[in-house]
N, C-alpha and C. Protein backbone atom coordinates (compact mmCIF):
# COMPACT_ATOMS: atom_id res chain seq x y z
N UNK A 1 25.43 -66.62 -7.77
CA UNK A 1 25.03 -65.87 -6.67
C UNK A 1 25.35 -64.36 -7.05
N UNK A 2 26.28 -63.92 -7.75
CA UNK A 2 26.53 -62.61 -8.16
C UNK A 2 25.43 -61.89 -8.99
N UNK A 3 24.70 -62.88 -9.74
CA UNK A 3 23.60 -62.45 -10.51
C UNK A 3 22.39 -62.08 -9.65
N UNK A 4 22.10 -62.88 -8.48
CA UNK A 4 21.09 -62.53 -7.72
C UNK A 4 21.19 -61.26 -6.93
N UNK A 5 22.38 -60.79 -6.61
CA UNK A 5 22.48 -59.55 -6.03
C UNK A 5 22.26 -58.46 -6.95
N UNK A 6 22.70 -58.49 -8.17
CA UNK A 6 22.33 -57.44 -9.12
C UNK A 6 20.84 -57.46 -9.41
N UNK A 7 20.20 -58.71 -9.42
CA UNK A 7 18.69 -58.61 -9.65
C UNK A 7 18.05 -57.91 -8.40
N UNK A 8 18.59 -58.29 -7.28
CA UNK A 8 17.91 -57.69 -6.09
C UNK A 8 18.09 -56.24 -6.02
N UNK A 9 19.36 -55.69 -6.33
CA UNK A 9 19.67 -54.28 -6.41
C UNK A 9 18.75 -53.54 -7.41
N UNK A 10 18.57 -54.28 -8.65
CA UNK A 10 17.68 -53.72 -9.65
C UNK A 10 16.26 -53.46 -9.03
N UNK A 11 15.83 -54.46 -8.44
CA UNK A 11 14.42 -54.43 -7.90
C UNK A 11 14.20 -53.28 -6.92
N UNK A 12 15.35 -53.09 -6.05
CA UNK A 12 15.24 -52.01 -5.00
C UNK A 12 15.33 -50.78 -5.72
N UNK A 13 16.19 -50.54 -6.59
CA UNK A 13 16.35 -49.37 -7.42
C UNK A 13 15.02 -49.01 -8.13
N UNK A 14 14.41 -49.88 -8.75
CA UNK A 14 13.13 -49.63 -9.41
C UNK A 14 12.11 -49.13 -8.53
N UNK A 15 11.97 -49.74 -7.30
CA UNK A 15 11.01 -49.40 -6.29
C UNK A 15 11.39 -47.97 -5.88
N UNK A 16 12.53 -47.58 -5.60
CA UNK A 16 12.84 -46.26 -5.20
C UNK A 16 12.47 -45.32 -6.31
N UNK A 17 12.84 -45.56 -7.59
CA UNK A 17 12.52 -44.58 -8.70
C UNK A 17 11.06 -44.47 -8.95
N UNK A 18 10.21 -45.55 -8.63
CA UNK A 18 8.80 -45.44 -8.73
C UNK A 18 8.22 -44.57 -7.63
N UNK A 19 8.82 -44.74 -6.40
CA UNK A 19 8.33 -43.89 -5.31
C UNK A 19 8.86 -42.41 -5.63
N UNK A 20 9.88 -42.20 -6.12
CA UNK A 20 10.33 -40.70 -6.37
C UNK A 20 9.45 -40.24 -7.56
N UNK A 21 9.16 -40.95 -8.49
CA UNK A 21 8.26 -40.46 -9.52
C UNK A 21 6.93 -40.13 -8.99
N UNK A 22 6.26 -40.92 -8.08
CA UNK A 22 4.95 -40.68 -7.59
C UNK A 22 5.06 -39.36 -6.72
N UNK A 23 6.12 -39.20 -5.85
CA UNK A 23 6.31 -38.00 -5.18
C UNK A 23 6.39 -36.74 -6.07
N UNK A 24 7.18 -36.73 -7.08
CA UNK A 24 7.33 -35.60 -8.02
C UNK A 24 5.93 -35.41 -8.75
N UNK A 25 5.26 -36.41 -9.16
CA UNK A 25 3.96 -36.10 -9.77
C UNK A 25 3.03 -35.54 -8.79
N UNK A 26 3.01 -35.87 -7.55
CA UNK A 26 2.12 -35.28 -6.64
C UNK A 26 2.49 -33.78 -6.26
N UNK A 27 3.81 -33.46 -6.32
CA UNK A 27 4.22 -32.01 -6.28
C UNK A 27 3.77 -31.23 -7.47
N UNK A 28 3.89 -31.80 -8.63
CA UNK A 28 3.50 -31.11 -9.85
C UNK A 28 1.90 -30.77 -9.78
N UNK A 29 1.24 -31.79 -9.30
CA UNK A 29 -0.23 -31.46 -9.13
C UNK A 29 -0.57 -30.31 -8.16
N UNK A 30 0.19 -30.27 -7.03
CA UNK A 30 0.03 -29.36 -6.01
C UNK A 30 0.29 -27.93 -6.60
N UNK A 31 1.44 -27.86 -7.34
CA UNK A 31 1.79 -26.48 -7.80
C UNK A 31 1.03 -26.14 -9.10
N UNK A 32 0.30 -27.03 -9.56
CA UNK A 32 -0.58 -26.82 -10.85
C UNK A 32 -1.67 -25.93 -10.55
N UNK A 33 -2.02 -25.74 -9.34
CA UNK A 33 -3.07 -24.80 -8.86
C UNK A 33 -2.63 -23.26 -8.96
N UNK A 34 -2.36 -22.82 -10.11
CA UNK A 34 -1.83 -21.53 -10.29
C UNK A 34 -2.79 -20.42 -10.29
N UNK A 35 -2.41 -19.22 -10.25
CA UNK A 35 -3.29 -18.09 -10.24
C UNK A 35 -3.84 -17.84 -11.71
N UNK A 36 -5.10 -17.21 -11.72
CA UNK A 36 -5.69 -16.78 -13.00
C UNK A 36 -6.04 -15.39 -12.83
N UNK A 37 -6.15 -14.65 -13.99
CA UNK A 37 -6.46 -13.38 -14.00
C UNK A 37 -8.04 -13.11 -13.94
N UNK A 38 -8.59 -12.51 -13.04
CA UNK A 38 -10.08 -12.11 -13.03
C UNK A 38 -10.38 -10.72 -13.24
N UNK A 39 -11.24 -10.35 -14.08
CA UNK A 39 -11.67 -9.04 -14.12
C UNK A 39 -13.17 -8.93 -14.29
N UNK A 40 -13.61 -7.66 -14.03
CA UNK A 40 -15.09 -7.57 -14.10
C UNK A 40 -15.47 -6.06 -13.78
N UNK A 41 -16.70 -5.90 -13.49
CA UNK A 41 -17.26 -4.48 -13.20
C UNK A 41 -18.14 -4.65 -11.87
N UNK A 42 -17.93 -3.67 -11.04
CA UNK A 42 -18.77 -3.57 -9.88
C UNK A 42 -19.83 -2.51 -9.99
N UNK A 43 -21.08 -2.84 -9.87
CA UNK A 43 -22.24 -1.95 -9.94
C UNK A 43 -23.19 -2.01 -8.88
N UNK A 44 -24.08 -1.04 -8.86
CA UNK A 44 -25.12 -1.08 -7.72
C UNK A 44 -26.39 -1.55 -8.44
N UNK A 45 -27.57 -1.43 -7.66
CA UNK A 45 -28.80 -1.80 -8.31
C UNK A 45 -29.29 -1.15 -9.38
N UNK A 46 -28.96 0.19 -9.44
CA UNK A 46 -29.29 1.14 -10.44
C UNK A 46 -28.30 0.93 -11.67
N UNK A 47 -27.53 0.01 -11.71
CA UNK A 47 -26.56 -0.39 -12.75
C UNK A 47 -25.51 0.74 -12.98
N UNK A 48 -25.34 1.55 -11.85
CA UNK A 48 -24.22 2.59 -11.88
C UNK A 48 -23.02 1.82 -11.38
N UNK A 49 -21.82 2.21 -12.04
CA UNK A 49 -20.66 1.56 -11.64
C UNK A 49 -20.14 2.22 -10.26
N UNK A 50 -19.50 1.50 -9.62
CA UNK A 50 -19.00 2.02 -8.23
C UNK A 50 -17.42 2.11 -8.35
N UNK A 51 -16.95 3.32 -8.40
CA UNK A 51 -15.50 3.49 -8.48
C UNK A 51 -14.91 3.49 -7.11
N UNK A 52 -13.73 2.93 -7.11
CA UNK A 52 -13.02 2.94 -5.73
C UNK A 52 -13.58 1.79 -4.79
N UNK A 53 -14.30 0.83 -5.27
CA UNK A 53 -14.69 -0.38 -4.57
C UNK A 53 -13.34 -1.25 -4.29
N UNK A 54 -13.31 -1.82 -3.13
CA UNK A 54 -12.19 -2.65 -2.69
C UNK A 54 -12.46 -4.12 -3.10
N UNK A 55 -11.48 -4.82 -3.65
CA UNK A 55 -11.50 -6.28 -4.03
C UNK A 55 -10.35 -6.85 -3.35
N UNK A 56 -10.57 -7.89 -2.37
CA UNK A 56 -9.65 -8.48 -1.68
C UNK A 56 -9.65 -10.04 -1.98
N UNK A 57 -8.62 -10.72 -2.07
CA UNK A 57 -8.63 -12.19 -2.17
C UNK A 57 -8.60 -12.62 -0.70
N UNK A 58 -9.66 -13.39 -0.37
CA UNK A 58 -9.89 -13.90 1.06
C UNK A 58 -8.57 -14.57 1.54
N UNK A 59 -8.30 -14.29 2.79
CA UNK A 59 -7.13 -14.93 3.51
C UNK A 59 -5.76 -14.50 2.87
N UNK A 60 -5.58 -13.55 2.11
CA UNK A 60 -4.34 -13.15 1.50
C UNK A 60 -4.22 -11.62 1.74
N UNK A 61 -3.23 -11.14 1.21
CA UNK A 61 -2.95 -9.57 1.14
C UNK A 61 -3.11 -9.17 -0.28
N UNK A 62 -3.68 -9.94 -1.24
CA UNK A 62 -3.82 -9.53 -2.60
C UNK A 62 -5.01 -8.67 -2.62
N UNK A 63 -5.00 -7.48 -3.28
CA UNK A 63 -6.17 -6.68 -3.30
C UNK A 63 -6.02 -5.72 -4.48
N UNK A 64 -7.07 -5.09 -4.86
CA UNK A 64 -7.09 -3.99 -5.87
C UNK A 64 -8.38 -3.10 -5.63
N UNK A 65 -8.41 -2.06 -6.39
CA UNK A 65 -9.56 -1.14 -6.28
C UNK A 65 -10.04 -0.94 -7.59
N UNK A 66 -11.46 -0.74 -7.78
CA UNK A 66 -12.00 -0.47 -9.05
C UNK A 66 -11.49 0.94 -9.55
N UNK A 67 -11.50 1.19 -10.97
CA UNK A 67 -11.19 2.39 -11.47
C UNK A 67 -12.45 3.22 -11.74
N UNK A 68 -12.28 4.35 -12.30
CA UNK A 68 -13.50 5.22 -12.38
C UNK A 68 -14.72 4.68 -13.05
N UNK A 69 -14.52 3.63 -13.96
CA UNK A 69 -15.54 3.08 -14.54
C UNK A 69 -15.97 1.79 -13.83
N UNK A 70 -15.55 1.54 -12.59
CA UNK A 70 -15.99 0.41 -11.84
C UNK A 70 -15.38 -1.00 -12.30
N UNK A 71 -14.34 -0.83 -13.12
CA UNK A 71 -13.69 -2.08 -13.66
C UNK A 71 -12.43 -2.44 -12.74
N UNK A 72 -12.17 -3.66 -12.66
CA UNK A 72 -11.01 -4.27 -11.82
C UNK A 72 -10.35 -5.37 -12.62
N UNK A 73 -9.24 -5.62 -12.23
CA UNK A 73 -8.40 -6.84 -12.75
C UNK A 73 -7.54 -7.29 -11.66
N UNK A 74 -7.54 -8.51 -11.27
CA UNK A 74 -6.66 -9.10 -10.07
C UNK A 74 -6.31 -10.47 -10.41
N UNK A 75 -5.14 -10.88 -9.87
CA UNK A 75 -4.58 -12.32 -9.93
C UNK A 75 -5.12 -13.09 -8.77
N UNK A 76 -5.69 -14.14 -9.00
CA UNK A 76 -6.46 -14.96 -7.94
C UNK A 76 -6.04 -16.41 -8.09
N UNK A 77 -5.91 -17.12 -6.96
CA UNK A 77 -5.80 -18.65 -7.06
C UNK A 77 -7.08 -19.22 -7.81
N UNK A 78 -7.05 -20.22 -8.60
CA UNK A 78 -8.27 -20.70 -9.19
C UNK A 78 -9.39 -21.08 -8.36
N UNK A 79 -9.00 -21.47 -7.00
CA UNK A 79 -9.98 -21.90 -6.14
C UNK A 79 -10.28 -20.78 -5.16
N UNK A 80 -9.85 -19.50 -5.33
CA UNK A 80 -9.99 -18.43 -4.38
C UNK A 80 -11.30 -17.85 -4.21
N UNK A 81 -11.47 -16.96 -3.28
CA UNK A 81 -12.70 -16.25 -2.99
C UNK A 81 -12.40 -14.80 -2.84
N UNK A 82 -13.13 -13.92 -3.69
CA UNK A 82 -12.97 -12.45 -3.62
C UNK A 82 -14.06 -11.97 -2.72
N UNK A 83 -13.51 -10.89 -2.05
CA UNK A 83 -14.47 -10.08 -1.08
C UNK A 83 -14.46 -8.70 -1.69
N UNK A 84 -15.82 -8.20 -1.99
CA UNK A 84 -15.96 -6.96 -2.67
C UNK A 84 -16.65 -6.14 -1.44
N UNK A 85 -16.16 -4.78 -1.36
CA UNK A 85 -16.73 -3.90 -0.31
C UNK A 85 -16.50 -2.50 -0.90
N UNK A 86 -17.38 -1.60 -0.30
CA UNK A 86 -17.33 -0.12 -0.52
C UNK A 86 -18.11 0.55 0.52
N UNK A 87 -17.73 1.69 0.93
CA UNK A 87 -18.56 2.47 1.94
C UNK A 87 -19.96 2.60 1.44
N UNK A 88 -20.96 2.31 2.38
CA UNK A 88 -22.30 2.43 2.06
C UNK A 88 -22.91 1.27 1.38
N UNK A 89 -22.21 0.15 1.21
CA UNK A 89 -22.58 -1.05 0.47
C UNK A 89 -22.32 -2.19 1.31
N UNK A 90 -23.19 -3.25 1.23
CA UNK A 90 -22.77 -4.59 1.94
C UNK A 90 -21.74 -5.22 1.24
N UNK A 91 -20.79 -5.76 2.11
CA UNK A 91 -19.73 -6.70 1.42
C UNK A 91 -20.36 -7.91 0.83
N UNK A 92 -19.72 -8.34 -0.06
CA UNK A 92 -20.09 -9.62 -0.84
C UNK A 92 -18.86 -10.44 -1.08
N UNK A 93 -18.98 -11.85 -0.79
CA UNK A 93 -18.10 -12.75 -1.05
C UNK A 93 -18.39 -13.71 -2.28
N UNK A 94 -17.41 -13.83 -3.21
CA UNK A 94 -17.76 -14.56 -4.39
C UNK A 94 -16.69 -15.64 -4.60
N UNK A 95 -16.93 -16.91 -4.80
CA UNK A 95 -15.90 -17.97 -5.15
C UNK A 95 -15.65 -17.76 -6.58
N UNK A 96 -14.32 -17.73 -7.03
CA UNK A 96 -13.90 -17.67 -8.33
C UNK A 96 -14.22 -18.79 -9.15
N UNK A 97 -13.92 -20.00 -8.73
CA UNK A 97 -14.20 -21.33 -9.51
C UNK A 97 -13.77 -21.31 -10.92
N UNK A 98 -12.51 -20.80 -11.12
CA UNK A 98 -11.86 -20.74 -12.40
C UNK A 98 -12.57 -19.86 -13.47
N UNK A 99 -13.41 -19.03 -13.03
CA UNK A 99 -13.99 -17.99 -13.92
C UNK A 99 -13.05 -16.76 -14.19
N UNK A 100 -12.87 -16.33 -15.35
CA UNK A 100 -12.11 -15.14 -15.61
C UNK A 100 -12.77 -13.89 -15.70
N UNK A 101 -14.12 -13.88 -15.60
CA UNK A 101 -14.96 -12.69 -15.56
C UNK A 101 -15.86 -12.83 -14.38
N UNK A 102 -15.85 -11.86 -13.38
CA UNK A 102 -16.80 -11.95 -12.34
C UNK A 102 -17.24 -10.46 -12.12
N UNK A 103 -18.58 -10.27 -12.50
CA UNK A 103 -19.27 -8.93 -12.40
C UNK A 103 -20.14 -9.05 -11.13
N UNK A 104 -20.09 -7.95 -10.41
CA UNK A 104 -20.65 -8.00 -8.99
C UNK A 104 -21.70 -6.84 -8.96
N UNK A 105 -22.81 -7.09 -8.31
CA UNK A 105 -23.85 -6.07 -7.95
C UNK A 105 -23.86 -5.96 -6.31
N UNK A 106 -23.44 -4.72 -5.95
CA UNK A 106 -23.38 -4.50 -4.51
C UNK A 106 -24.72 -3.78 -4.04
N UNK A 107 -25.32 -4.32 -2.86
CA UNK A 107 -26.43 -3.66 -2.42
C UNK A 107 -26.12 -2.64 -1.38
N UNK A 108 -26.92 -1.54 -1.30
CA UNK A 108 -26.78 -0.56 -0.33
C UNK A 108 -26.92 -1.13 1.08
N UNK A 109 -26.14 -0.48 1.93
CA UNK A 109 -26.21 -0.93 3.41
C UNK A 109 -27.08 0.11 4.07
N UNK A 110 -28.04 -0.45 4.89
CA UNK A 110 -28.97 0.55 5.58
C UNK A 110 -28.84 0.42 7.12
N UNK A 111 -27.90 -0.48 7.69
CA UNK A 111 -27.90 -0.82 8.94
C UNK A 111 -27.17 0.25 9.89
N UNK A 112 -26.19 0.98 9.39
CA UNK A 112 -25.54 1.95 10.32
C UNK A 112 -24.80 2.94 9.34
N UNK A 113 -24.54 4.25 10.01
CA UNK A 113 -23.75 5.16 9.23
C UNK A 113 -22.33 4.79 9.14
N UNK A 114 -21.62 5.13 8.10
CA UNK A 114 -20.15 4.83 7.93
C UNK A 114 -19.58 6.27 8.02
N UNK A 115 -18.36 6.30 8.50
CA UNK A 115 -17.58 7.54 8.53
C UNK A 115 -16.32 7.34 7.83
N UNK A 116 -15.87 8.24 6.90
CA UNK A 116 -14.69 8.24 6.15
C UNK A 116 -13.64 8.91 7.08
N UNK A 117 -12.67 8.35 7.40
CA UNK A 117 -11.59 8.96 8.38
C UNK A 117 -10.30 9.02 7.56
N UNK A 118 -9.32 9.67 7.99
CA UNK A 118 -8.01 9.83 7.29
C UNK A 118 -7.23 8.36 7.11
N UNK A 119 -7.65 7.42 7.71
CA UNK A 119 -6.97 6.16 7.72
C UNK A 119 -7.86 4.97 7.26
N UNK A 120 -8.96 5.27 6.75
CA UNK A 120 -10.00 4.09 6.29
C UNK A 120 -11.42 4.59 6.57
N UNK A 121 -12.27 3.54 6.66
CA UNK A 121 -13.71 3.75 6.78
C UNK A 121 -13.95 3.01 8.12
N UNK A 122 -14.84 3.59 8.98
CA UNK A 122 -15.29 2.95 10.22
C UNK A 122 -16.84 3.16 10.33
N UNK A 123 -17.45 2.30 11.18
CA UNK A 123 -18.75 2.50 11.58
C UNK A 123 -18.74 3.82 12.48
N UNK A 124 -19.86 4.52 12.55
CA UNK A 124 -19.86 5.81 13.30
C UNK A 124 -19.71 5.53 14.78
N UNK A 125 -20.22 4.31 15.26
CA UNK A 125 -20.16 4.05 16.66
C UNK A 125 -18.67 3.67 17.11
N UNK A 126 -17.90 3.27 16.15
CA UNK A 126 -16.42 2.88 16.41
C UNK A 126 -15.48 3.96 16.42
N UNK A 127 -15.89 5.18 16.06
CA UNK A 127 -14.90 6.32 15.92
C UNK A 127 -14.60 6.78 17.41
N UNK A 128 -13.46 6.99 17.61
CA UNK A 128 -13.06 7.37 18.98
C UNK A 128 -12.60 8.89 19.19
N UNK A 129 -12.54 9.47 17.90
CA UNK A 129 -12.11 10.86 17.93
C UNK A 129 -13.31 11.91 17.52
N UNK A 130 -12.99 13.12 17.34
CA UNK A 130 -14.09 13.97 16.87
C UNK A 130 -14.28 13.92 15.45
N UNK A 131 -15.64 14.19 15.05
CA UNK A 131 -16.07 14.05 13.77
C UNK A 131 -16.49 15.44 13.30
N UNK A 132 -16.07 15.91 12.08
CA UNK A 132 -16.50 17.11 11.60
C UNK A 132 -17.06 16.82 10.27
N UNK A 133 -18.13 17.70 9.97
CA UNK A 133 -18.96 17.31 8.65
C UNK A 133 -19.01 18.72 8.01
N UNK A 134 -18.73 18.76 6.59
CA UNK A 134 -19.00 19.80 5.84
C UNK A 134 -20.06 19.43 4.82
N UNK A 135 -21.13 20.13 4.81
CA UNK A 135 -22.30 19.75 3.91
C UNK A 135 -22.19 20.48 2.72
N UNK A 136 -22.92 20.02 1.63
CA UNK A 136 -22.79 20.50 0.20
C UNK A 136 -23.35 22.13 0.26
N UNK A 137 -24.28 22.43 1.07
CA UNK A 137 -24.62 23.83 1.11
C UNK A 137 -23.54 24.75 1.54
N UNK A 138 -22.71 24.23 2.47
CA UNK A 138 -21.68 24.96 2.98
C UNK A 138 -20.67 25.24 1.90
N UNK A 139 -20.39 24.16 1.07
CA UNK A 139 -19.39 24.28 0.02
C UNK A 139 -19.78 25.33 -1.08
N UNK A 140 -21.21 25.31 -1.36
CA UNK A 140 -21.70 26.23 -2.30
C UNK A 140 -21.43 27.67 -1.89
N UNK A 141 -21.36 28.04 -0.69
CA UNK A 141 -21.12 29.42 -0.19
C UNK A 141 -19.84 29.88 -0.66
N UNK A 142 -18.92 29.10 -1.12
CA UNK A 142 -17.48 29.44 -1.40
C UNK A 142 -17.41 29.24 -2.96
N UNK A 143 -17.96 30.03 -3.83
CA UNK A 143 -17.96 29.64 -5.29
C UNK A 143 -16.54 29.74 -5.89
N UNK A 144 -15.65 30.57 -5.41
CA UNK A 144 -14.35 30.68 -6.02
C UNK A 144 -13.46 29.61 -5.62
N UNK A 145 -13.48 29.30 -4.36
CA UNK A 145 -12.52 28.32 -3.82
C UNK A 145 -13.22 27.43 -2.76
N UNK A 146 -13.95 26.27 -3.27
CA UNK A 146 -14.80 25.55 -2.22
C UNK A 146 -13.84 24.85 -1.21
N UNK A 147 -12.67 24.73 -1.33
CA UNK A 147 -11.79 24.20 -0.35
C UNK A 147 -11.80 25.09 0.79
N UNK A 148 -12.05 26.36 0.73
CA UNK A 148 -12.18 27.21 1.88
C UNK A 148 -13.24 26.80 2.99
N UNK A 149 -14.21 26.04 2.54
CA UNK A 149 -15.16 25.61 3.39
C UNK A 149 -14.56 24.59 4.48
N UNK A 150 -13.43 24.17 4.25
CA UNK A 150 -12.82 23.13 5.19
C UNK A 150 -12.28 23.91 6.40
N UNK A 151 -12.12 25.39 6.39
CA UNK A 151 -11.75 26.12 7.48
C UNK A 151 -12.54 25.94 8.80
N UNK A 152 -13.81 25.49 8.50
CA UNK A 152 -14.75 25.27 9.61
C UNK A 152 -14.53 24.06 10.32
N UNK A 153 -13.74 23.12 9.79
CA UNK A 153 -13.41 21.86 10.47
C UNK A 153 -12.22 22.14 11.47
N UNK A 154 -12.45 21.64 12.72
CA UNK A 154 -11.54 21.96 13.73
C UNK A 154 -10.16 21.08 13.35
N UNK A 155 -9.00 21.81 13.46
CA UNK A 155 -7.76 21.31 13.15
C UNK A 155 -7.24 21.28 11.79
N UNK A 156 -8.16 22.00 10.96
CA UNK A 156 -7.78 22.14 9.51
C UNK A 156 -7.78 23.65 9.19
N UNK A 157 -6.64 24.10 8.55
CA UNK A 157 -6.60 25.50 8.11
C UNK A 157 -6.21 25.53 6.69
N UNK A 158 -6.88 26.30 5.88
CA UNK A 158 -6.70 26.53 4.49
C UNK A 158 -5.81 27.82 4.39
N UNK A 159 -4.65 27.85 3.73
CA UNK A 159 -3.79 28.98 3.64
C UNK A 159 -3.63 29.32 2.10
N UNK A 160 -3.87 30.51 1.61
CA UNK A 160 -3.46 31.00 0.40
C UNK A 160 -4.26 30.53 -0.77
N UNK A 161 -3.90 31.06 -2.10
CA UNK A 161 -4.72 30.72 -3.27
C UNK A 161 -4.44 29.26 -3.67
N UNK A 162 -3.22 28.79 -3.75
CA UNK A 162 -3.04 27.38 -4.03
C UNK A 162 -2.96 26.73 -2.66
N UNK A 163 -3.97 26.21 -2.21
CA UNK A 163 -4.11 26.02 -0.92
C UNK A 163 -3.19 25.01 -0.21
N UNK A 164 -2.80 25.44 1.00
CA UNK A 164 -1.89 24.46 1.73
C UNK A 164 -2.78 24.22 2.85
N UNK A 165 -3.03 22.89 3.23
CA UNK A 165 -3.90 22.52 4.32
C UNK A 165 -2.98 22.23 5.44
N UNK A 166 -3.34 22.81 6.64
CA UNK A 166 -2.44 22.51 7.87
C UNK A 166 -3.37 21.54 8.79
N UNK A 167 -2.87 20.54 9.28
CA UNK A 167 -3.56 19.67 10.02
C UNK A 167 -2.75 19.50 11.42
N UNK A 168 -3.20 20.10 12.48
CA UNK A 168 -2.60 20.21 13.73
C UNK A 168 -1.10 20.50 13.62
N UNK A 169 -0.64 21.44 12.98
CA UNK A 169 0.70 21.90 12.95
C UNK A 169 1.51 21.37 11.78
N UNK A 170 1.17 20.18 11.11
CA UNK A 170 1.92 19.89 9.84
C UNK A 170 1.10 20.29 8.64
N UNK A 171 1.79 20.77 7.60
CA UNK A 171 1.12 21.18 6.41
C UNK A 171 1.31 20.42 5.29
N UNK A 172 0.48 20.37 4.27
CA UNK A 172 0.56 19.67 3.16
C UNK A 172 -0.06 20.55 1.99
N UNK A 173 0.66 20.68 0.91
CA UNK A 173 0.24 21.46 -0.15
C UNK A 173 -0.69 20.59 -1.15
N UNK A 174 -1.90 21.04 -1.37
CA UNK A 174 -2.72 20.14 -2.22
C UNK A 174 -3.11 20.88 -3.46
N UNK A 175 -2.87 20.38 -4.52
CA UNK A 175 -3.27 21.07 -5.85
C UNK A 175 -4.53 20.32 -6.29
N UNK A 176 -5.74 20.91 -5.95
CA UNK A 176 -6.95 20.25 -6.21
C UNK A 176 -7.36 20.52 -7.51
N UNK A 177 -6.61 21.17 -8.35
CA UNK A 177 -7.19 21.36 -9.83
C UNK A 177 -6.70 20.30 -10.76
N UNK A 178 -5.90 19.43 -10.33
CA UNK A 178 -5.44 18.30 -11.26
C UNK A 178 -6.40 17.22 -11.36
């Protein structure tokens, strides 16, 4: 009778160890979906690179921006989706599908004007404050210090040779020669 108890305990132990092994194997499979490094170039239809384009991993806070040559590198889940956007261009979503290189061609947006504001980019209709515009011809009138053309924008004051910009009472020193 003592042997039967040991045999019974051995069978129960083997079942529990098998169940534990299956559970650990499924956990390993779940965590095997690791991040991959994706890089590429963002261009427009004329094959010109787009510096400053935003790349975001969909449904996460992982993001990056293209450099001056339109190149980017980002860590992405192997099954993730990238969202590419830039002011004046249509956003584009691309599934990574384990690819390490994703080059993107952004199309120009023609549906509405965008406005660059101090805290991002918005559609012109969504802006709730005043909008000021400094055109290129106005900047050309100030050949020595083109930053002086900003004096005509309400709420901005340019002071001195190494300009300090004052925005509604707070001032910032900006060295635009770097």
